[in-house]
């Protein structure tokens, strides 16, 4: 006769294996900090979280770009502010030159120094070799300068990059005016300095001045017919008055340029704050989908450890009962 009836032992083993399996899962959650670590854990949540992580990296890249843009805009705005101060000083010198008996040649020496300072400040207003106040040959004046500002995932799954722009306000017919001078200096070889406040002759022509007065000339562009503002002993009061009017008009446009840079700098700041909040919210959303609740998992582990101990005791009891019964039938 043979005996192989150990239902209680098999039941205890089954329960213990199930407890150990649950303990392994819980220990993995605690070790990794995630309840959905791979697609097999929850395919839907894993897919959403993986896509969100890649988007979050793109948002981080946008934050870096905005930080760089903020520094560039801050530098440009500082340059414009300093240029306004210098041009205001030039205006004051010209007004002083209207006084009877003043030495205009000496004032002219001061004007030359101030004009050199204008060039120096404009060229120095550069961050990471990016200068937004000087227009060079590698830039197109009629195209807005742009900054990546946002990463957008559309409802259909496609993505796009939102941009912030610094615009040049050209008229519909394309005729250039003094209002298009949105840079400090236009050094393009293909132009005549028209897109730079300091190099544009349009302030003089629009005011009907006798000569095309400019605060400085373009390094590379055509300067035919342009006259840099300066004084001599023979400069008339009428000429000085026209120079003052040109400088005053340039100051008005410089204020517009400064406002544009200031507004864009503020917009970058707001966009950066939004990108930071968006990054944090996406991170929190990913956590809600895949992160483990450590307090809950720890409590579950303690409960499973207790169940494991009870399961081992049950298995020992079942084995002991089986051995006792087996011994009773050994002599048969």
C-alpha atoms as a PDB file:
ATOM      1  CA  UNK A   1       0.000   0.000   0.000  1.00  0.00           C
ATOM      2  CA  UNK A   2       1.307   3.512  -0.827  1.00  0.00           C
ATOM      3  CA  UNK A   3       0.383   6.845   0.671  1.00  0.00           C
ATOM      4  CA  UNK A   4       0.614  10.123  -1.257  1.00  0.00           C
ATOM      5  CA  UNK A   5      -2.153  12.180   0.244  1.00  0.00           C
ATOM      6  CA  UNK A   6      -0.634  15.565   1.326  1.00  0.00           C
ATOM      7  CA  UNK A   7      -3.265  18.090   0.415  1.00  0.00           C
ATOM      8  CA  UNK A   8      -2.527  20.290   3.444  1.00  0.00           C
ATOM      9  CA  UNK A   9       1.196  20.436   2.552  1.00  0.00           C
ATOM     10  CA  UNK A  10       0.469  21.376  -1.076  1.00  0.00           C
ATOM     11  CA  UNK A  11      -2.005  24.047   0.027  1.00  0.00           C
ATOM     12  CA  UNK A  12       0.530  25.545   2.407  1.00  0.00           C
ATOM     13  CA  UNK A  13       3.197  25.546  -0.327  1.00  0.00           C
ATOM     14  CA  UNK A  14       0.834  27.250  -2.774  1.00  0.00           C
ATOM     15  CA  UNK A  15      -0.014  29.986  -0.282  1.00  0.00           C
ATOM     16  CA  UNK A  16       3.659  30.489   0.586  1.00  0.00           C
ATOM     17  CA  UNK A  17       4.667  30.740  -3.076  1.00  0.00           C
ATOM     18  CA  UNK A  18       1.967  33.334  -3.676  1.00  0.00           C
ATOM     19  CA  UNK A  19       3.181  35.351  -0.672  1.00  0.00           C
ATOM     20  CA  UNK A  20       6.800  35.171  -1.865  1.00  0.00           C
ATOM     21  CA  UNK A  21       5.756  36.315  -5.346  1.00  0.00           C
ATOM     22  CA  UNK A  22       3.944  39.318  -3.893  1.00  0.00           C
ATOM     23  CA  UNK A  23       6.940  40.096  -1.699  1.00  0.00           C
ATOM     24  CA  UNK A  24       9.232  40.106  -4.734  1.00  0.00           C
ATOM     25  CA  UNK A  25       6.975  42.580  -6.549  1.00  0.00           C
ATOM     26  CA  UNK A  26       6.711  44.825  -3.481  1.00  0.00           C
ATOM     27  CA  UNK A  27      10.464  44.717  -2.854  1.00  0.00           C
ATOM     28  CA  UNK A  28      11.058  45.739  -6.510  1.00  0.00           C
ATOM     29  CA  UNK A  29       8.675  48.673  -6.070  1.00  0.00           C
ATOM     30  CA  UNK A  30      10.570  49.808  -2.978  1.00  0.00           C
ATOM     31  CA  UNK A  31      13.989  49.279  -4.563  1.00  0.00           C
ATOM     32  CA  UNK A  32      13.214  51.117  -7.824  1.00  0.00           C
ATOM     33  CA  UNK A  33      10.678  53.554  -6.408  1.00  0.00           C
ATOM     34  CA  UNK A  34       8.378  52.673  -9.319  1.00  0.00           C
ATOM     35  CA  UNK A  35       5.287  50.555  -9.577  1.00  0.00           C
ATOM     36  CA  UNK A  36       5.395  50.694 -13.402  1.00  0.00           C
ATOM     37  CA  UNK A  37       9.034  50.141 -14.348  1.00  0.00           C
ATOM     38  CA  UNK A  38       8.446  48.364 -17.673  1.00  0.00           C
ATOM     39  CA  UNK A  39       5.691  47.911 -20.220  1.00  0.00           C
ATOM     40  CA  UNK A  40       4.728  44.521 -18.744  1.00  0.00           C
ATOM     41  CA  UNK A  41       3.733  46.226 -15.479  1.00  0.00           C
ATOM     42  CA  UNK A  42       1.117  48.444 -17.163  1.00  0.00           C
ATOM     43  CA  UNK A  43       1.454  49.002 -20.907  1.00  0.00           C
ATOM     44  CA  UNK A  44      -0.823  52.066 -21.049  1.00  0.00           C
ATOM     45  CA  UNK A  45       0.783  53.959 -18.156  1.00  0.00           C
ATOM     46  CA  UNK A  46       4.273  52.995 -19.302  1.00  0.00           C
ATOM     47  CA  UNK A  47       3.563  54.339 -22.801  1.00  0.00           C
ATOM     48  CA  UNK A  48       2.149  57.634 -21.506  1.00  0.00           C
ATOM     49  CA  UNK A  49       5.006  58.097 -19.048  1.00  0.00           C
ATOM     50  CA  UNK A  50       7.671  57.333 -21.678  1.00  0.00           C
ATOM     51  CA  UNK A  51       6.239  59.912 -24.089  1.00  0.00           C
ATOM     52  CA  UNK A  52       5.923  62.458 -21.273  1.00  0.00           C
ATOM     53  CA  UNK A  53       9.567  61.915 -20.287  1.00  0.00           C
ATOM     54  CA  UNK A  54      10.763  62.646 -23.844  1.00  0.00           C
ATOM     55  CA  UNK A  55       8.566  65.759 -23.935  1.00  0.00           C
ATOM     56  CA  UNK A  56       9.991  66.870 -20.605  1.00  0.00           C
ATOM     57  CA  UNK A  57      13.512  66.659 -22.003  1.00  0.00           C
ATOM     58  CA  UNK A  58      12.403  68.914 -24.848  1.00  0.00           C
ATOM     59  CA  UNK A  59      10.905  71.364 -22.330  1.00  0.00           C
ATOM     60  CA  UNK A  60      14.233  71.352 -20.473  1.00  0.00           C
ATOM     61  CA  UNK A  61      15.990  72.228 -23.732  1.00  0.00           C
ATOM     62  CA  UNK A  62      13.514  75.102 -24.219  1.00  0.00           C
ATOM     63  CA  UNK A  63      14.342  76.330 -20.715  1.00  0.00           C
ATOM     64  CA  UNK A  64      18.039  76.359 -21.601  1.00  0.00           C
ATOM     65  CA  UNK A  65      17.311  78.277 -24.811  1.00  0.00           C
ATOM     66  CA  UNK A  66      15.192  80.802 -22.918  1.00  0.00           C
ATOM     67  CA  UNK A  67      17.944  81.283 -20.370  1.00  0.00           C
ATOM     68  CA  UNK A  68      20.402  82.023 -23.168  1.00  0.00           C
ATOM     69  CA  UNK A  69      17.888  84.350 -24.839  1.00  0.00           C
ATOM     70  CA  UNK A  70      17.244  86.202 -21.578  1.00  0.00           C
ATOM     71  CA  UNK A  71      20.961  86.876 -21.222  1.00  0.00           C
ATOM     72  CA  UNK A  72      21.178  88.020 -24.855  1.00  0.00           C
ATOM     73  CA  UNK A  73      18.156  90.310 -24.515  1.00  0.00           C
ATOM     74  CA  UNK A  74      19.434  91.735 -21.239  1.00  0.00           C
ATOM     75  CA  UNK A  75      22.750  92.546 -22.900  1.00  0.00           C
ATOM     76  CA  UNK A  76      21.028  94.144 -25.899  1.00  0.00           C
ATOM     77  CA  UNK A  77      18.742  96.218 -23.674  1.00  0.00           C
ATOM     78  CA  UNK A  78      21.713  97.419 -21.619  1.00  0.00           C
ATOM     79  CA  UNK A  79      23.467  98.412 -24.848  1.00  0.00           C
ATOM     80  CA  UNK A  80      20.449 100.419 -26.030  1.00  0.00           C
ATOM     81  CA  UNK A  81      20.178 102.172 -22.659  1.00  0.00           C
ATOM     82  CA  UNK A  82      23.816 103.192 -22.776  1.00  0.00           C
ATOM     83  CA  UNK A  83      23.486 104.405 -26.363  1.00  0.00           C
ATOM     84  CA  UNK A  84      20.476 106.532 -25.367  1.00  0.00           C
ATOM     85  CA  UNK A  85      22.601 108.136 -22.644  1.00  0.00           C
ATOM     86  CA  UNK A  86      25.423 108.871 -25.100  1.00  0.00           C
ATOM     87  CA  UNK A  87      23.092 110.257 -27.792  1.00  0.00           C
ATOM     88  CA  UNK A  88      21.427 112.436 -25.161  1.00  0.00           C
ATOM     89  CA  UNK A  89      24.862 113.790 -24.344  1.00  0.00           C
ATOM     90  CA  UNK A  90      25.479 114.494 -28.039  1.00  0.00           C
ATOM     91  CA  UNK A  91      22.179 116.383 -28.166  1.00  0.00           C
ATOM     92  CA  UNK A  92      23.226 118.428 -25.135  1.00  0.00           C
ATOM     93  CA  UNK A  93      26.558 119.286 -26.778  1.00  0.00           C
ATOM     94  CA  UNK A  94      24.808 120.460 -29.925  1.00  0.00           C
ATOM     95  CA  UNK A  95      22.445 122.606 -27.883  1.00  0.00           C
ATOM     96  CA  UNK A  96      25.472 124.083 -26.111  1.00  0.00           C
ATOM     97  CA  UNK A  97      26.983 124.872 -29.511  1.00  0.00           C
ATOM     98  CA  UNK A  98      24.135 127.300 -30.230  1.00  0.00           C
ATOM     99  CA  UNK A  99      25.465 129.735 -27.644  1.00  0.00           C
ATOM    100  CA  UNK A 100      27.232 132.794 -28.942  1.00  0.00           C
ATOM    101  CA  UNK A 101      31.011 132.781 -28.656  1.00  0.00           C
ATOM    102  CA  UNK A 102      31.326 129.065 -27.856  1.00  0.00           C
ATOM    103  CA  UNK A 103      34.322 127.198 -29.302  1.00  0.00           C
ATOM    104  CA  UNK A 104      32.654 124.796 -31.753  1.00  0.00           C
ATOM    105  CA  UNK A 105      35.892 123.016 -32.566  1.00  0.00           C
ATOM    106  CA  UNK A 106      36.317 121.974 -28.945  1.00  0.00           C
ATOM    107  CA  UNK A 107      32.739 120.760 -28.802  1.00  0.00           C
ATOM    108  CA  UNK A 108      33.393 118.811 -31.996  1.00  0.00           C
ATOM    109  CA  UNK A 109      36.267 116.958 -30.302  1.00  0.00           C
ATOM    110  CA  UNK A 110      33.825 115.882 -27.604  1.00  0.00           C
ATOM    111  CA  UNK A 111      31.331 114.832 -30.258  1.00  0.00           C
ATOM    112  CA  UNK A 112      33.946 112.597 -31.901  1.00  0.00           C
ATOM    113  CA  UNK A 113      34.669 110.860 -28.594  1.00  0.00           C
ATOM    114  CA  UNK A 114      30.961 110.326 -27.957  1.00  0.00           C
ATOM    115  CA  UNK A 115      30.461 108.917 -31.462  1.00  0.00           C
ATOM    116  CA  UNK A 116      33.333 106.486 -30.936  1.00  0.00           C
ATOM    117  CA  UNK A 117      31.654 105.474 -27.683  1.00  0.00           C
ATOM    118  CA  UNK A 118      28.465 104.712 -29.604  1.00  0.00           C
ATOM    119  CA  UNK A 119      30.340 102.234 -31.801  1.00  0.00           C
ATOM    120  CA  UNK A 120      32.153 100.744 -28.790  1.00  0.00           C
ATOM    121  CA  UNK A 121      28.964 100.213 -26.766  1.00  0.00           C
ATOM    122  CA  UNK A 122      27.077  98.716 -29.712  1.00  0.00           C
ATOM    123  CA  UNK A 123      29.815  96.230 -30.536  1.00  0.00           C
ATOM    124  CA  UNK A 124      30.215  95.258 -26.882  1.00  0.00           C
ATOM    125  CA  UNK A 125      26.493  94.487 -26.457  1.00  0.00           C
ATOM    126  CA  UNK A 126      27.084  90.857 -27.390  1.00  0.00           C
ATOM    127  CA  UNK A 127      26.441  87.653 -25.447  1.00  0.00           C
ATOM    128  CA  UNK A 128      27.958  84.371 -26.581  1.00  0.00           C
ATOM    129  CA  UNK A 129      29.004  86.062 -29.841  1.00  0.00           C
ATOM    130  CA  UNK A 130      25.365  86.945 -30.550  1.00  0.00           C
ATOM    131  CA  UNK A 131      24.768  90.661 -31.047  1.00  0.00           C
ATOM    132  CA  UNK A 132      21.160  91.770 -31.532  1.00  0.00           C
ATOM    133  CA  UNK A 133      21.876  95.494 -31.912  1.00  0.00           C
ATOM    134  CA  UNK A 134      24.235  95.373 -34.902  1.00  0.00           C
ATOM    135  CA  UNK A 135      23.056  94.156 -38.290  1.00  0.00           C
ATOM    136  CA  UNK A 136      25.826  92.337 -40.174  1.00  0.00           C
ATOM    137  CA  UNK A 137      26.061  90.662 -43.576  1.00  0.00           C
ATOM    138  CA  UNK A 138      24.880  87.289 -42.213  1.00  0.00           C
ATOM    139  CA  UNK A 139      21.459  88.680 -41.182  1.00  0.00           C
ATOM    140  CA  UNK A 140      18.393  89.616 -43.226  1.00  0.00           C
ATOM    141  CA  UNK A 141      16.835  92.839 -41.910  1.00  0.00           C
ATOM    142  CA  UNK A 142      13.330  92.040 -43.145  1.00  0.00           C
ATOM    143  CA  UNK A 143      13.245  88.671 -41.373  1.00  0.00           C
ATOM    144  CA  UNK A 144      12.433  88.613 -37.640  1.00  0.00           C
ATOM    145  CA  UNK A 145      15.072  87.263 -35.279  1.00  0.00           C
ATOM    146  CA  UNK A 146      13.533  84.359 -33.398  1.00  0.00           C
ATOM    147  CA  UNK A 147      13.963  82.459 -30.138  1.00  0.00           C
ATOM    148  CA  UNK A 148      12.577  78.949 -29.391  1.00  0.00           C
ATOM    149  CA  UNK A 149      10.077  79.512 -26.595  1.00  0.00           C
ATOM    150  CA  UNK A 150       7.788  76.475 -26.239  1.00  0.00           C
ATOM    151  CA  UNK A 151       7.460  72.787 -27.085  1.00  0.00           C
ATOM    152  CA  UNK A 152       3.932  71.909 -28.214  1.00  0.00           C
ATOM    153  CA  UNK A 153       2.445  68.426 -28.643  1.00  0.00           C
ATOM    154  CA  UNK A 154      -0.749  68.726 -30.659  1.00  0.00           C
ATOM    155  CA  UNK A 155      -3.886  66.632 -30.241  1.00  0.00           C
ATOM    156  CA  UNK A 156      -3.013  64.514 -33.290  1.00  0.00           C
ATOM    157  CA  UNK A 157       0.386  63.626 -31.825  1.00  0.00           C
ATOM    158  CA  UNK A 158       2.411  65.985 -34.009  1.00  0.00           C
ATOM    159  CA  UNK A 159       4.804  68.417 -32.378  1.00  0.00           C
ATOM    160  CA  UNK A 160       5.825  72.001 -33.050  1.00  0.00           C
ATOM    161  CA  UNK A 161       8.127  74.624 -31.574  1.00  0.00           C
ATOM    162  CA  UNK A 162       6.688  77.992 -30.604  1.00  0.00           C
ATOM    163  CA  UNK A 163       8.910  80.987 -31.305  1.00  0.00           C
ATOM    164  CA  UNK A 164       9.298  84.486 -29.901  1.00  0.00           C
ATOM    165  CA  UNK A 165      10.209  87.101 -32.485  1.00  0.00           C
ATOM    166  CA  UNK A 166      11.903  90.494 -32.645  1.00  0.00           C
ATOM    167  CA  UNK A 167      10.185  92.067 -35.654  1.00  0.00           C
ATOM    168  CA  UNK A 168      11.209  94.636 -38.220  1.00  0.00           C
ATOM    169  CA  UNK A 169       8.074  96.616 -39.068  1.00  0.00           C
ATOM    170  CA  UNK A 170       8.274  97.084 -42.816  1.00  0.00           C
ATOM    171  CA  UNK A 171       5.450  98.851 -44.635  1.00  0.00           C
ATOM    172  CA  UNK A 172       3.304  96.684 -46.974  1.00  0.00           C
ATOM    173  CA  UNK A 173       4.918  98.159 -50.092  1.00  0.00           C
ATOM    174  CA  UNK A 174       8.404  97.540 -48.726  1.00  0.00           C
ATOM    175  CA  UNK A 175       9.465 101.188 -48.635  1.00  0.00           C
ATOM    176  CA  UNK A 176      12.041 101.681 -45.886  1.00  0.00           C
ATOM    177  CA  UNK A 177      11.514 104.505 -43.388  1.00  0.00           C
ATOM    178  CA  UNK A 178      13.137 105.654 -40.168  1.00  0.00           C
ATOM    179  CA  UNK A 179      10.687 103.430 -38.256  1.00  0.00           C
ATOM    180  CA  UNK A 180      12.407 100.370 -39.745  1.00  0.00           C
ATOM    181  CA  UNK A 181      15.631 101.241 -37.914  1.00  0.00           C
ATOM    182  CA  UNK A 182      15.214  98.589 -35.201  1.00  0.00           C
ATOM    183  CA  UNK A 183      18.963  98.013 -34.728  1.00  0.00           C
ATOM    184  CA  UNK A 184      21.552 100.432 -33.428  1.00  0.00           C
ATOM    185  CA  UNK A 185      23.950  99.988 -36.356  1.00  0.00           C
ATOM    186  CA  UNK A 186      23.478  98.552 -39.847  1.00  0.00           C
ATOM    187  CA  UNK A 187      26.882  97.409 -41.151  1.00  0.00           C
ATOM    188  CA  UNK A 188      25.653  95.328 -44.098  1.00  0.00           C
ATOM    189  CA  UNK A 189      27.600  95.673 -47.334  1.00  0.00           C
ATOM    190  CA  UNK A 190      24.335  95.506 -49.321  1.00  0.00           C
ATOM    191  CA  UNK A 191      22.695  98.446 -47.564  1.00  0.00           C
ATOM    192  CA  UNK A 192      23.313 102.056 -46.668  1.00  0.00           C
ATOM    193  CA  UNK A 193      22.855 101.751 -42.925  1.00  0.00           C
ATOM    194  CA  UNK A 194      19.097 102.257 -43.153  1.00  0.00           C
ATOM    195  CA  UNK A 195      18.160  99.647 -40.533  1.00  0.00           C
ATOM    196  CA  UNK A 196      20.401 101.149 -37.846  1.00  0.00           C
ATOM    197  CA  UNK A 197      19.215 104.137 -35.803  1.00  0.00           C
ATOM    198  CA  UNK A 198      22.735 105.528 -35.618  1.00  0.00           C
ATOM    199  CA  UNK A 199      23.503 104.908 -39.305  1.00  0.00           C
ATOM    200  CA  UNK A 200      20.174 105.742 -40.972  1.00  0.00           C
ATOM    201  CA  UNK A 201      19.892 108.889 -43.086  1.00  0.00           C
ATOM    202  CA  UNK A 202      16.095 108.655 -43.127  1.00  0.00           C
ATOM    203  CA  UNK A 203      15.753 110.792 -39.993  1.00  0.00           C
ATOM    204  CA  UNK A 204      17.342 113.680 -41.885  1.00  0.00           C
ATOM    205  CA  UNK A 205      15.486 113.146 -45.164  1.00  0.00           C
ATOM    206  CA  UNK A 206      12.105 112.827 -43.459  1.00  0.00           C
ATOM    207  CA  UNK A 207      12.745 116.047 -41.535  1.00  0.00           C
ATOM    208  CA  UNK A 208      13.735 117.811 -44.744  1.00  0.00           C
ATOM    209  CA  UNK A 209      17.260 118.608 -43.526  1.00  0.00           C
ATOM    210  CA  UNK A 210      19.632 120.242 -45.978  1.00  0.00           C
ATOM    211  CA  UNK A 211      22.059 117.325 -45.645  1.00  0.00           C
ATOM    212  CA  UNK A 212      21.704 113.606 -44.895  1.00  0.00           C
ATOM    213  CA  UNK A 213      22.959 113.798 -41.324  1.00  0.00           C
ATOM    214  CA  UNK A 214      23.832 110.563 -39.495  1.00  0.00           C
ATOM    215  CA  UNK A 215      25.364 109.935 -36.072  1.00  0.00           C
ATOM    216  CA  UNK A 216      27.858 107.538 -37.661  1.00  0.00           C
ATOM    217  CA  UNK A 217      28.355 105.737 -40.956  1.00  0.00           C
ATOM    218  CA  UNK A 218      28.051 102.045 -41.759  1.00  0.00           C
ATOM    219  CA  UNK A 219      31.334 100.138 -41.880  1.00  0.00           C
ATOM    220  CA  UNK A 220      30.517  98.236 -45.057  1.00  0.00           C
ATOM    221  CA  UNK A 221      27.427  99.820 -46.601  1.00  0.00           C
ATOM    222  CA  UNK A 222      27.125 102.640 -49.087  1.00  0.00           C
ATOM    223  CA  UNK A 223      27.520 106.026 -47.395  1.00  0.00           C
ATOM    224  CA  UNK A 224      27.317 108.250 -50.464  1.00  0.00           C
ATOM    225  CA  UNK A 225      25.766 111.612 -49.639  1.00  0.00           C
ATOM    226  CA  UNK A 226      25.742 111.006 -45.890  1.00  0.00           C
ATOM    227  CA  UNK A 227      27.221 113.556 -43.488  1.00  0.00           C
ATOM    228  CA  UNK A 228      28.320 112.553 -39.994  1.00  0.00           C
ATOM    229  CA  UNK A 229      27.114 115.085 -37.429  1.00  0.00           C
ATOM    230  CA  UNK A 230      30.030 117.344 -36.561  1.00  0.00           C
ATOM    231  CA  UNK A 231      30.848 120.992 -35.910  1.00  0.00           C
ATOM    232  CA  UNK A 232      33.348 123.527 -37.177  1.00  0.00           C
ATOM    233  CA  UNK A 233      33.879 127.227 -36.782  1.00  0.00           C
ATOM    234  CA  UNK A 234      31.758 127.816 -39.903  1.00  0.00           C
ATOM    235  CA  UNK A 235      28.776 125.685 -38.873  1.00  0.00           C
ATOM    236  CA  UNK A 236      25.677 127.871 -38.919  1.00  0.00           C
ATOM    237  CA  UNK A 237      22.909 128.029 -36.351  1.00  0.00           C
ATOM    238  CA  UNK A 238      20.517 126.645 -38.934  1.00  0.00           C
ATOM    239  CA  UNK A 239      22.724 123.604 -39.511  1.00  0.00           C
ATOM    240  CA  UNK A 240      23.060 122.994 -35.774  1.00  0.00           C
ATOM    241  CA  UNK A 241      19.275 123.221 -35.431  1.00  0.00           C
ATOM    242  CA  UNK A 242      18.827 120.571 -38.118  1.00  0.00           C
ATOM    243  CA  UNK A 243      21.398 118.330 -36.410  1.00  0.00           C
ATOM    244  CA  UNK A 244      19.555 118.682 -33.099  1.00  0.00           C
ATOM    245  CA  UNK A 245      16.277 117.719 -34.800  1.00  0.00           C
ATOM    246  CA  UNK A 246      17.889 114.634 -36.363  1.00  0.00           C
ATOM    247  CA  UNK A 247      19.408 113.566 -33.041  1.00  0.00           C
ATOM    248  CA  UNK A 248      16.094 114.109 -31.271  1.00  0.00           C
ATOM    249  CA  UNK A 249      14.272 111.952 -33.851  1.00  0.00           C
ATOM    250  CA  UNK A 250      16.931 109.266 -33.429  1.00  0.00           C
ATOM    251  CA  UNK A 251      16.406 109.383 -29.645  1.00  0.00           C
ATOM    252  CA  UNK A 252      12.691 108.802 -30.142  1.00  0.00           C
ATOM    253  CA  UNK A 253      13.413 105.738 -32.267  1.00  0.00           C
ATOM    254  CA  UNK A 254      16.028 104.508 -29.771  1.00  0.00           C
ATOM    255  CA  UNK A 255      13.321 104.623 -27.114  1.00  0.00           C
ATOM    256  CA  UNK A 256      11.125 102.478 -29.360  1.00  0.00           C
ATOM    257  CA  UNK A 257      13.961  99.984 -29.849  1.00  0.00           C
ATOM    258  CA  UNK A 258      14.623  99.889 -26.114  1.00  0.00           C
ATOM    259  CA  UNK A 259      10.926  99.287 -25.440  1.00  0.00           C
ATOM    260  CA  UNK A 260      10.873  96.426 -27.946  1.00  0.00           C
ATOM    261  CA  UNK A 261      13.877  94.748 -26.355  1.00  0.00           C
ATOM    262  CA  UNK A 262      12.476  95.333 -22.871  1.00  0.00           C
ATOM    263  CA  UNK A 263       9.096  93.865 -23.810  1.00  0.00           C
ATOM    264  CA  UNK A 264      10.747  90.823 -25.387  1.00  0.00           C
ATOM    265  CA  UNK A 265      12.954  90.356 -22.328  1.00  0.00           C
ATOM    266  CA  UNK A 266       9.847  90.395 -20.106  1.00  0.00           C
ATOM    267  CA  UNK A 267       8.085  87.935 -22.413  1.00  0.00           C
ATOM    268  CA  UNK A 268      11.097  85.604 -22.189  1.00  0.00           C
ATOM    269  CA  UNK A 269      10.980  85.834 -18.399  1.00  0.00           C
ATOM    270  CA  UNK A 270       7.267  84.965 -18.324  1.00  0.00           C
ATOM    271  CA  UNK A 271       7.763  82.111 -20.805  1.00  0.00           C
ATOM    272  CA  UNK A 272      10.646  80.743 -18.757  1.00  0.00           C
ATOM    273  CA  UNK A 273       8.490  80.776 -15.610  1.00  0.00           C
ATOM    274  CA  UNK A 274       5.781  78.907 -17.509  1.00  0.00           C
ATOM    275  CA  UNK A 275       8.278  76.357 -18.868  1.00  0.00           C
ATOM    276  CA  UNK A 276       9.549  75.733 -15.323  1.00  0.00           C
ATOM    277  CA  UNK A 277       6.018  75.164 -14.026  1.00  0.00           C
ATOM    278  CA  UNK A 278       5.206  72.967 -17.019  1.00  0.00           C
ATOM    279  CA  UNK A 279       8.327  70.854 -16.435  1.00  0.00           C
ATOM    280  CA  UNK A 280       7.403  70.405 -12.766  1.00  0.00           C
ATOM    281  CA  UNK A 281       3.793  69.499 -13.604  1.00  0.00           C
ATOM    282  CA  UNK A 282       4.820  66.936 -16.226  1.00  0.00           C
ATOM    283  CA  UNK A 283       7.270  65.405 -13.739  1.00  0.00           C
ATOM    284  CA  UNK A 284       4.510  65.219 -11.120  1.00  0.00           C
ATOM    285  CA  UNK A 285       2.114  63.683 -13.666  1.00  0.00           C
ATOM    286  CA  UNK A 286       4.638  60.994 -14.573  1.00  0.00           C
ATOM    287  CA  UNK A 287       5.087  60.280 -10.880  1.00  0.00           C
ATOM    288  CA  UNK A 288       1.362  59.789 -10.379  1.00  0.00           C
ATOM    289  CA  UNK A 289       1.322  57.224 -13.172  1.00  0.00           C
ATOM    290  CA  UNK A 290       4.395  55.154 -12.423  1.00  0.00           C
ATOM    291  CA  UNK A 291       5.882  56.011  -9.023  1.00  0.00           C
ATOM    292  CA  UNK A 292       5.312  53.724  -6.070  1.00  0.00           C
ATOM    293  CA  UNK A 293       3.702  54.966  -2.860  1.00  0.00           C
ATOM    294  CA  UNK A 294       6.595  54.188  -0.531  1.00  0.00           C
ATOM    295  CA  UNK A 295       4.509  54.320   2.654  1.00  0.00           C
ATOM    296  CA  UNK A 296       1.912  51.992   1.175  1.00  0.00           C
ATOM    297  CA  UNK A 297       4.553  49.632  -0.217  1.00  0.00           C
ATOM    298  CA  UNK A 298       6.412  49.532   3.119  1.00  0.00           C
ATOM    299  CA  UNK A 299       3.205  48.681   4.954  1.00  0.00           C
ATOM    300  CA  UNK A 300       2.431  46.007   2.388  1.00  0.00           C
ATOM    301  CA  UNK A 301       5.931  44.530   2.776  1.00  0.00           C
ATOM    302  CA  UNK A 302       5.566  44.313   6.543  1.00  0.00           C
ATOM    303  CA  UNK A 303       2.185  42.607   6.132  1.00  0.00           C
ATOM    304  CA  UNK A 304       3.627  40.149   3.591  1.00  0.00           C
ATOM    305  CA  UNK A 305       6.552  39.372   5.899  1.00  0.00           C
ATOM    306  CA  UNK A 306       4.068  38.536   8.640  1.00  0.00           C
ATOM    307  CA  UNK A 307       2.060  36.381   6.219  1.00  0.00           C
ATOM    308  CA  UNK A 308       5.283  34.686   5.134  1.00  0.00           C
ATOM    309  CA  UNK A 309       6.096  33.766   8.737  1.00  0.00           C
ATOM    310  CA  UNK A 310       2.580  32.418   9.243  1.00  0.00           C
ATOM    311  CA  UNK A 311       2.830  30.523   5.947  1.00  0.00           C
ATOM    312  CA  UNK A 312       6.081  28.899   7.049  1.00  0.00           C
ATOM    313  CA  UNK A 313       4.483  27.882  10.319  1.00  0.00           C
ATOM    314  CA  UNK A 314       1.501  26.437   8.436  1.00  0.00           C
ATOM    315  CA  UNK A 315       3.846  24.511   6.162  1.00  0.00           C
ATOM    316  CA  UNK A 316       5.762  23.152   9.150  1.00  0.00           C
ATOM    317  CA  UNK A 317       2.529  22.060  10.802  1.00  0.00           C
ATOM    318  CA  UNK A 318       1.313  20.438   7.577  1.00  0.00           C
ATOM    319  CA  UNK A 319       4.641  18.613   7.136  1.00  0.00           C
ATOM    320  CA  UNK A 320       4.588  17.447  10.750  1.00  0.00           C
ATOM    321  CA  UNK A 321       1.011  16.132  10.385  1.00  0.00           C
ATOM    322  CA  UNK A 322       1.948  14.359   7.158  1.00  0.00           C
ATOM    323  CA  UNK A 323       4.985  12.720   8.770  1.00  0.00           C
ATOM    324  CA  UNK A 324       2.917  11.528  11.734  1.00  0.00           C
ATOM    325  CA  UNK A 325       0.329   9.923   9.475  1.00  0.00           C
ATOM    326  CA  UNK A 326       3.073   8.414   7.292  1.00  0.00           C
ATOM    327  CA  UNK A 327       4.756   6.823  10.319  1.00  0.00           C
ATOM    328  CA  UNK A 328       1.482   5.197  11.422  1.00  0.00           C
ATOM    329  CA  UNK A 329       1.310   3.316   8.139  1.00  0.00           C
ATOM    330  CA  UNK A 330       4.993   2.370   7.900  1.00  0.00           C
ATOM    331  CA  UNK A 331       4.429  -1.138   9.295  1.00  0.00           C
ATOM    332  CA  UNK A 332       1.560  -2.031   6.974  1.00  0.00           C
END
